[in-house]
């Protein structure tokens, strides 16, 4: 059985795996009961439907993926088992192989997440996506 720390960490990783596979519906499902905020834009999205629309501009290629690799690092998870809450913070880099040029990083930033445990299952309560550095996103998202 997974520890609470491992279960929360698995949710953070599931996001990266799903988006890199092109499973945009699966990405949105992770946030069915959550709020997603973006910085610096200040967008606030609630629930899977609104979150799914945020990914409509993502370009999916012939293989059904966005030709990206999300690299997560510095994942810090803190669980309050008594309160059935947790939070995590990590940095990310998105590397794209979709452009005509070489494979290159196109976005870096941070994910600040809050989680709740409901019926012995952890789920996202809130994600704040902070985009710190942006490169050429033209091969990754439609404008």
Foldseek 3Di string as FASTA:
>chain_A
DDDPQVQVVVLVVVLQVCQQQLVLLVNLQLQQQAWEAEPPVGDIAHGSVRSSVVCVFFDQDPSNHSQKGKDKDPWDKDDDVVQQKIKIKIKIWIWHPQDPDHTGTFWIWMWIWMWGADPNHIGTHYIYTYTDDGHDCVSTGDD
